[in-house]
Amino acid sequence: MKQSCIFHPLGNRIAVVLQDYQQITGKFAAAAILSLFEYWANEAIENGSDQSNPDRIEVGARTVKEFEAALLGLCSEKSIRTHLKSLEALGFIARTQRPTLDRTQVYSFCVGAVQNALRHTTQDEGAINALV
């Protein structure tokens, strides 16, 4: 990556929102959360975690507070919960609850579903551009 003209401390967080994620989710905050899932999935792959199903990559147990911190306060806890439910309904993420009392959710990034939605968005844009 090209160096910035501004010096930032190491470990400084950055929130990323991908335009195509905003297109498939319809919401800026949901797109930011989905970007987090992609980041965590890439991290899991890089760290060599067991990924027996490449279409569904487990990104681990996450709390709403972790999402809030990673999003730099972009969303409230309530908003995060709402967007997580919508991403799950779209099939872009999956979650299971640990069999313990702490209620921590274990999340997976559903690569195939996200890639399929992106592919359809790209095809739709291609068809629209061909008509213009």
N, C-alpha and C. Protein backbone atom coordinates (compact mmCIF):
# COMPACT_ATOMS: atom_id res chain seq x y z
N MET A 1 0.83 -1.17 0.00
CA MET A 1 0.00 0.00 0.00
C MET A 1 0.88 1.25 0.00
N LYS A 2 0.45 2.24 -0.69
CA LYS A 2 1.17 3.50 -0.75
C LYS A 2 1.13 4.18 0.62
N GLN A 3 2.22 4.78 1.01
CA GLN A 3 2.25 5.47 2.29
C GLN A 3 1.40 6.73 2.23
N SER A 4 0.84 7.06 3.38
CA SER A 4 0.02 8.25 3.48
C SER A 4 0.89 9.49 3.69
N CYS A 5 0.34 10.61 3.35
CA CYS A 5 1.04 11.87 3.61
C CYS A 5 0.91 12.28 5.07
N ILE A 6 0.08 11.57 5.81
CA ILE A 6 -0.12 11.80 7.24
C ILE A 6 0.42 10.60 8.01
N PHE A 7 1.16 10.87 9.08
CA PHE A 7 1.66 9.80 9.94
C PHE A 7 0.57 9.42 10.93
N HIS A 8 0.21 8.14 10.94
CA HIS A 8 -0.77 7.61 11.88
C HIS A 8 -0.09 6.57 12.76
N PRO A 9 -0.47 6.49 14.01
CA PRO A 9 0.13 5.48 14.89
C PRO A 9 -0.17 4.06 14.40
N LEU A 10 0.75 3.15 14.64
CA LEU A 10 0.52 1.75 14.30
C LEU A 10 -0.70 1.24 15.05
N GLY A 11 -1.46 0.40 14.43
CA GLY A 11 -2.64 -0.17 15.07
C GLY A 11 -3.86 0.74 15.02
N ASN A 12 -3.73 1.87 14.35
CA ASN A 12 -4.86 2.78 14.21
C ASN A 12 -5.94 2.08 13.40
N ARG A 13 -7.16 2.11 13.87
CA ARG A 13 -8.26 1.42 13.18
C ARG A 13 -8.77 2.21 11.99
N ILE A 14 -9.34 1.48 11.05
CA ILE A 14 -9.96 2.10 9.90
C ILE A 14 -11.26 1.34 9.61
N ALA A 15 -12.31 2.06 9.33
CA ALA A 15 -13.59 1.44 8.97
C ALA A 15 -13.72 1.53 7.45
N VAL A 16 -14.06 0.41 6.84
CA VAL A 16 -14.16 0.33 5.38
C VAL A 16 -15.59 0.01 4.99
N VAL A 17 -16.07 0.71 4.00
CA VAL A 17 -17.39 0.41 3.44
C VAL A 17 -17.21 0.25 1.93
N LEU A 18 -17.49 -0.93 1.45
CA LEU A 18 -17.36 -1.19 0.02
C LEU A 18 -18.66 -0.84 -0.70
N GLN A 19 -18.53 -0.16 -1.82
CA GLN A 19 -19.70 0.29 -2.57
C GLN A 19 -20.59 -0.88 -2.99
N ASP A 20 -19.98 -1.96 -3.45
CA ASP A 20 -20.81 -3.08 -3.89
C ASP A 20 -21.55 -3.74 -2.73
N TYR A 21 -20.98 -3.68 -1.53
CA TYR A 21 -21.69 -4.19 -0.36
C TYR A 21 -22.88 -3.29 -0.03
N GLN A 22 -22.72 -2.00 -0.24
CA GLN A 22 -23.85 -1.10 0.00
C GLN A 22 -24.96 -1.38 -1.01
N GLN A 23 -24.57 -1.73 -2.23
CA GLN A 23 -25.57 -2.04 -3.26
C GLN A 23 -26.35 -3.30 -2.91
N ILE A 24 -25.68 -4.33 -2.40
CA ILE A 24 -26.39 -5.59 -2.14
C ILE A 24 -27.12 -5.59 -0.80
N THR A 25 -26.74 -4.70 0.12
CA THR A 25 -27.43 -4.64 1.41
C THR A 25 -28.44 -3.50 1.47
N GLY A 26 -28.20 -2.45 0.70
CA GLY A 26 -29.09 -1.31 0.71
C GLY A 26 -28.85 -0.35 1.86
N LYS A 27 -27.90 -0.65 2.71
CA LYS A 27 -27.65 0.19 3.90
C LYS A 27 -26.15 0.39 4.09
N PHE A 28 -25.78 1.62 4.39
CA PHE A 28 -24.38 1.96 4.62
C PHE A 28 -23.82 1.16 5.80
N ALA A 29 -24.53 1.14 6.91
CA ALA A 29 -24.04 0.45 8.12
C ALA A 29 -23.95 -1.06 7.90
N ALA A 30 -24.93 -1.63 7.21
CA ALA A 30 -24.89 -3.07 6.92
C ALA A 30 -23.69 -3.39 6.04
N ALA A 31 -23.39 -2.51 5.10
CA ALA A 31 -22.22 -2.69 4.23
C ALA A 31 -20.93 -2.65 5.04
N ALA A 32 -20.87 -1.75 6.01
CA ALA A 32 -19.69 -1.66 6.88
C ALA A 32 -19.52 -2.93 7.69
N ILE A 33 -20.61 -3.47 8.19
CA ILE A 33 -20.56 -4.72 8.97
C ILE A 33 -20.14 -5.87 8.07
N LEU A 34 -20.68 -5.93 6.86
CA LEU A 34 -20.30 -7.00 5.93
C LEU A 34 -18.81 -6.90 5.57
N SER A 35 -18.30 -5.68 5.44
CA SER A 35 -16.87 -5.48 5.19
C SER A 35 -16.04 -6.04 6.34
N LEU A 36 -16.52 -5.88 7.57
CA LEU A 36 -15.85 -6.45 8.73
C LEU A 36 -15.78 -7.97 8.62
N PHE A 37 -16.89 -8.56 8.23
CA PHE A 37 -16.93 -10.02 8.08
C PHE A 37 -15.91 -10.50 7.04
N GLU A 38 -15.81 -9.78 5.93
CA GLU A 38 -14.82 -10.15 4.92
C GLU A 38 -13.42 -10.05 5.50
N TYR A 39 -13.14 -8.99 6.23
CA TYR A 39 -11.83 -8.80 6.85
C TYR A 39 -11.53 -9.95 7.80
N TRP A 40 -12.49 -10.27 8.67
CA TRP A 40 -12.30 -11.35 9.64
C TRP A 40 -12.15 -12.71 8.96
N ALA A 41 -12.88 -12.93 7.87
CA ALA A 41 -12.77 -14.19 7.12
C ALA A 41 -11.39 -14.31 6.49
N ASN A 42 -10.90 -13.23 5.90
CA ASN A 42 -9.55 -13.24 5.32
C ASN A 42 -8.51 -13.49 6.40
N GLU A 43 -8.71 -12.90 7.55
CA GLU A 43 -7.81 -13.10 8.69
C GLU A 43 -7.81 -14.57 9.13
N ALA A 44 -9.01 -15.17 9.18
CA ALA A 44 -9.13 -16.58 9.57
C ALA A 44 -8.41 -17.49 8.58
N ILE A 45 -8.56 -17.19 7.30
CA ILE A 45 -7.88 -17.98 6.26
C ILE A 45 -6.37 -17.82 6.40
N GLU A 46 -5.93 -16.59 6.56
CA GLU A 46 -4.50 -16.31 6.69
C GLU A 46 -3.88 -17.00 7.90
N ASN A 47 -4.65 -17.09 8.97
CA ASN A 47 -4.15 -17.73 10.19
C ASN A 47 -4.27 -19.24 10.16
N GLY A 48 -4.75 -19.78 9.05
CA GLY A 48 -4.79 -21.23 8.87
C GLY A 48 -5.85 -21.95 9.67
N SER A 49 -6.93 -21.25 10.03
CA SER A 49 -7.99 -21.92 10.78
C SER A 49 -8.67 -22.95 9.89
N ASP A 50 -9.25 -23.96 10.52
CA ASP A 50 -9.90 -25.05 9.78
C ASP A 50 -11.12 -24.51 9.06
N GLN A 51 -11.07 -24.54 7.77
CA GLN A 51 -12.18 -24.07 6.95
C GLN A 51 -12.59 -25.19 6.01
N SER A 52 -13.28 -26.18 6.57
CA SER A 52 -13.68 -27.35 5.78
C SER A 52 -14.72 -26.99 4.73
N ASN A 53 -15.43 -25.89 4.91
CA ASN A 53 -16.40 -25.44 3.93
C ASN A 53 -16.00 -24.05 3.45
N PRO A 54 -15.36 -23.94 2.28
CA PRO A 54 -14.88 -22.63 1.82
C PRO A 54 -16.00 -21.64 1.50
N ASP A 55 -17.24 -22.13 1.39
CA ASP A 55 -18.37 -21.24 1.14
C ASP A 55 -18.88 -20.58 2.41
N ARG A 56 -18.44 -21.09 3.55
CA ARG A 56 -18.90 -20.57 4.84
C ARG A 56 -17.71 -20.56 5.80
N ILE A 57 -17.14 -19.40 5.99
CA ILE A 57 -15.91 -19.27 6.77
C ILE A 57 -16.24 -18.77 8.17
N GLU A 58 -15.90 -19.57 9.16
CA GLU A 58 -16.15 -19.16 10.55
C GLU A 58 -15.19 -18.06 10.94
N VAL A 59 -15.75 -16.98 11.46
CA VAL A 59 -14.93 -15.85 11.88
C VAL A 59 -14.85 -15.74 13.40
N GLY A 60 -15.47 -16.67 14.09
CA GLY A 60 -15.34 -16.75 15.54
C GLY A 60 -16.45 -16.09 16.32
N ALA A 61 -16.28 -16.14 17.62
CA ALA A 61 -17.25 -15.55 18.54
C ALA A 61 -17.03 -14.05 18.60
N ARG A 62 -18.09 -13.31 18.47
CA ARG A 62 -18.01 -11.85 18.49
C ARG A 62 -19.16 -11.30 19.33
N THR A 63 -18.85 -10.26 20.07
CA THR A 63 -19.89 -9.58 20.83
C THR A 63 -20.30 -8.31 20.10
N VAL A 64 -21.46 -7.79 20.44
CA VAL A 64 -21.93 -6.55 19.83
C VAL A 64 -20.96 -5.42 20.16
N LYS A 65 -20.38 -5.45 21.34
CA LYS A 65 -19.39 -4.44 21.73
C LYS A 65 -18.18 -4.47 20.79
N GLU A 66 -17.75 -5.68 20.37
CA GLU A 66 -16.64 -5.80 19.42
C GLU A 66 -16.99 -5.16 18.07
N PHE A 67 -18.23 -5.40 17.63
CA PHE A 67 -18.67 -4.78 16.38
C PHE A 67 -18.66 -3.26 16.52
N GLU A 68 -19.18 -2.78 17.63
CA GLU A 68 -19.25 -1.33 17.86
C GLU A 68 -17.86 -0.70 17.84
N ALA A 69 -16.90 -1.35 18.50
CA ALA A 69 -15.53 -0.83 18.53
C ALA A 69 -14.90 -0.88 17.14
N ALA A 70 -15.09 -1.99 16.42
CA ALA A 70 -14.50 -2.14 15.09
C ALA A 70 -15.09 -1.14 14.09
N LEU A 71 -16.33 -0.75 14.32
CA LEU A 71 -17.00 0.21 13.43
C LEU A 71 -16.77 1.65 13.86
N LEU A 72 -15.92 1.84 14.86
CA LEU A 72 -15.56 3.18 15.33
C LEU A 72 -16.76 4.01 15.77
N GLY A 73 -17.76 3.32 16.34
CA GLY A 73 -18.94 4.02 16.83
C GLY A 73 -19.93 4.41 15.75
N LEU A 74 -19.76 3.91 14.54
CA LEU A 74 -20.66 4.23 13.43
C LEU A 74 -22.10 3.82 13.74
N CYS A 75 -22.26 2.71 14.47
CA CYS A 75 -23.58 2.17 14.77
C CYS A 75 -23.76 1.97 16.27
N SER A 76 -24.99 2.12 16.71
CA SER A 76 -25.32 1.80 18.09
C SER A 76 -25.48 0.28 18.23
N GLU A 77 -25.51 -0.19 19.45
CA GLU A 77 -25.69 -1.63 19.68
C GLU A 77 -27.00 -2.11 19.05
N LYS A 78 -28.06 -1.34 19.22
CA LYS A 78 -29.36 -1.72 18.66
C LYS A 78 -29.29 -1.81 17.13
N SER A 79 -28.65 -0.81 16.53
CA SER A 79 -28.50 -0.79 15.07
C SER A 79 -27.67 -1.98 14.58
N ILE A 80 -26.62 -2.30 15.31
CA ILE A 80 -25.78 -3.45 14.94
C ILE A 80 -26.60 -4.73 14.97
N ARG A 81 -27.36 -4.91 16.03
CA ARG A 81 -28.20 -6.12 16.12
C ARG A 81 -29.19 -6.20 14.96
N THR A 82 -29.78 -5.06 14.62
CA THR A 82 -30.74 -5.02 13.51
C THR A 82 -30.06 -5.39 12.19
N HIS A 83 -28.89 -4.83 11.94
CA HIS A 83 -28.19 -5.11 10.69
C HIS A 83 -27.67 -6.55 10.65
N LEU A 84 -27.25 -7.09 11.78
CA LEU A 84 -26.83 -8.49 11.81
C LEU A 84 -27.99 -9.41 11.43
N LYS A 85 -29.17 -9.10 11.94
CA LYS A 85 -30.35 -9.89 11.59
C LYS A 85 -30.65 -9.80 10.10
N SER A 86 -30.53 -8.59 9.53
CA SER A 86 -30.82 -8.44 8.10
C SER A 86 -29.78 -9.15 7.24
N LEU A 87 -28.51 -9.09 7.65
CA LEU A 87 -27.46 -9.81 6.91
C LEU A 87 -27.67 -11.31 6.99
N GLU A 88 -28.14 -11.78 8.13
CA GLU A 88 -28.43 -13.21 8.29
C GLU A 88 -29.63 -13.59 7.41
N ALA A 89 -30.66 -12.74 7.38
CA ALA A 89 -31.83 -13.01 6.54
C ALA A 89 -31.48 -13.04 5.06
N LEU A 90 -30.51 -12.21 4.66
CA LEU A 90 -30.05 -12.21 3.27
C LEU A 90 -29.17 -13.42 2.95
N GLY A 91 -28.74 -14.14 3.99
CA GLY A 91 -27.88 -15.31 3.80
C GLY A 91 -26.41 -14.98 3.71
N PHE A 92 -26.03 -13.74 4.02
CA PHE A 92 -24.63 -13.32 3.91
C PHE A 92 -23.80 -13.72 5.12
N ILE A 93 -24.44 -13.90 6.25
CA ILE A 93 -23.75 -14.37 7.45
C ILE A 93 -24.61 -15.45 8.11
N ALA A 94 -23.98 -16.23 8.94
CA ALA A 94 -24.70 -17.23 9.74
C ALA A 94 -24.19 -17.11 11.16
N ARG A 95 -25.04 -17.44 12.10
CA ARG A 95 -24.58 -17.40 13.48
C ARG A 95 -25.19 -18.54 14.28
N THR A 96 -24.41 -18.96 15.22
CA THR A 96 -24.85 -19.97 16.17
C THR A 96 -24.46 -19.47 17.55
N GLN A 97 -25.15 -19.96 18.54
CA GLN A 97 -24.84 -19.54 19.90
C GLN A 97 -24.00 -20.61 20.57
N ARG A 98 -23.01 -20.16 21.32
CA ARG A 98 -22.18 -21.09 22.09
C ARG A 98 -23.07 -21.84 23.07
N PRO A 99 -22.77 -23.09 23.32
CA PRO A 99 -23.57 -23.84 24.30
C PRO A 99 -23.16 -23.51 25.74
N THR A 100 -23.03 -22.21 26.01
CA THR A 100 -22.69 -21.75 27.36
C THR A 100 -23.68 -20.66 27.75
N LEU A 101 -23.52 -20.15 28.91
CA LEU A 101 -24.45 -19.15 29.41
C LEU A 101 -24.12 -17.72 28.99
N ASP A 102 -22.97 -17.50 28.36
CA ASP A 102 -22.57 -16.13 28.06
C ASP A 102 -23.26 -15.50 26.86
N ARG A 103 -24.03 -16.26 26.10
CA ARG A 103 -24.82 -15.79 24.96
C ARG A 103 -23.98 -15.22 23.82
N THR A 104 -22.68 -15.46 23.82
CA THR A 104 -21.83 -14.99 22.74
C THR A 104 -22.18 -15.73 21.45
N GLN A 105 -22.26 -14.98 20.38
CA GLN A 105 -22.59 -15.56 19.08
C GLN A 105 -21.32 -15.93 18.33
N VAL A 106 -21.35 -17.08 17.66
CA VAL A 106 -20.26 -17.50 16.78
C VAL A 106 -20.75 -17.26 15.36
N TYR A 107 -19.98 -16.47 14.61
CA TYR A 107 -20.41 -16.03 13.28
C TYR A 107 -19.61 -16.71 12.17
N SER A 108 -20.27 -16.82 11.02
CA SER A 108 -19.63 -17.29 9.80
C SER A 108 -19.97 -16.33 8.67
N PHE A 109 -19.01 -16.14 7.79
CA PHE A 109 -19.19 -15.32 6.59
C PHE A 109 -19.53 -16.26 5.45
N CYS A 110 -20.68 -16.06 4.84
CA CYS A 110 -21.17 -16.96 3.78
C CYS A 110 -20.68 -16.45 2.42
N VAL A 111 -19.47 -16.85 2.09
CA VAL A 111 -18.77 -16.37 0.90
C VAL A 111 -19.58 -16.60 -0.38
N GLY A 112 -20.11 -17.79 -0.53
CA GLY A 112 -20.85 -18.12 -1.75
C GLY A 112 -22.05 -17.22 -1.97
N ALA A 113 -22.81 -16.97 -0.91
CA ALA A 113 -24.00 -16.13 -1.02
C ALA A 113 -23.62 -14.69 -1.36
N VAL A 114 -22.58 -14.18 -0.71
CA VAL A 114 -22.14 -12.81 -0.98
C VAL A 114 -21.63 -12.70 -2.42
N GLN A 115 -20.80 -13.66 -2.83
CA GLN A 115 -20.24 -13.61 -4.19
C GLN A 115 -21.34 -13.72 -5.23
N ASN A 116 -22.34 -14.54 -4.96
CA ASN A 116 -23.46 -14.70 -5.88
C ASN A 116 -24.25 -13.39 -6.00
N ALA A 117 -24.50 -12.74 -4.88
CA ALA A 117 -25.22 -11.46 -4.90
C ALA A 117 -24.41 -10.40 -5.66
N LEU A 118 -23.10 -10.39 -5.44
CA LEU A 118 -22.25 -9.43 -6.15
C LEU A 118 -22.25 -9.72 -7.65
N ARG A 119 -22.22 -10.99 -7.99
CA ARG A 119 -22.23 -11.39 -9.40
C ARG A 119 -23.52 -10.90 -10.07
N HIS A 120 -24.65 -11.08 -9.39
CA HIS A 120 -25.93 -10.64 -9.96
C HIS A 120 -25.98 -9.12 -10.09
N THR A 121 -25.42 -8.40 -9.13
CA THR A 121 -25.38 -6.94 -9.19
C THR A 121 -24.55 -6.50 -10.38
N THR A 122 -23.40 -7.13 -10.58
CA THR A 122 -22.52 -6.81 -11.70
C THR A 122 -23.20 -7.10 -13.03
N GLN A 123 -23.91 -8.24 -13.11
CA GLN A 123 -24.62 -8.59 -14.34
C GLN A 123 -25.72 -7.59 -14.63
N ASP A 124 -26.45 -7.20 -13.58
CA ASP A 124 -27.53 -6.20 -13.76
C ASP A 124 -26.95 -4.89 -14.26
N GLU A 125 -25.83 -4.45 -13.70
CA GLU A 125 -25.19 -3.21 -14.14
C GLU A 125 -24.72 -3.34 -15.58
N GLY A 126 -24.20 -4.51 -15.95
CA GLY A 126 -23.74 -4.75 -17.31
C GLY A 126 -24.89 -4.67 -18.29
N ALA A 127 -26.03 -5.22 -17.92
CA ALA A 127 -27.22 -5.18 -18.78
C ALA A 127 -27.72 -3.76 -18.93
N ILE A 128 -27.70 -2.99 -17.84
CA ILE A 128 -28.13 -1.59 -17.88
C ILE A 128 -27.18 -0.78 -18.75
N ASN A 129 -25.88 -0.99 -18.58
CA ASN A 129 -24.89 -0.25 -19.37
C ASN A 129 -25.01 -0.60 -20.86
N ALA A 130 -25.39 -1.83 -21.18
CA ALA A 130 -25.53 -2.23 -22.57
C ALA A 130 -26.72 -1.52 -23.23
N LEU A 131 -27.73 -1.18 -22.42
CA LEU A 131 -28.90 -0.48 -22.95
C LEU A 131 -28.65 1.00 -23.18
N VAL A 132 -27.68 1.55 -22.49
CA VAL A 132 -27.44 3.01 -22.57
C VAL A 132 -26.71 3.37 -23.83
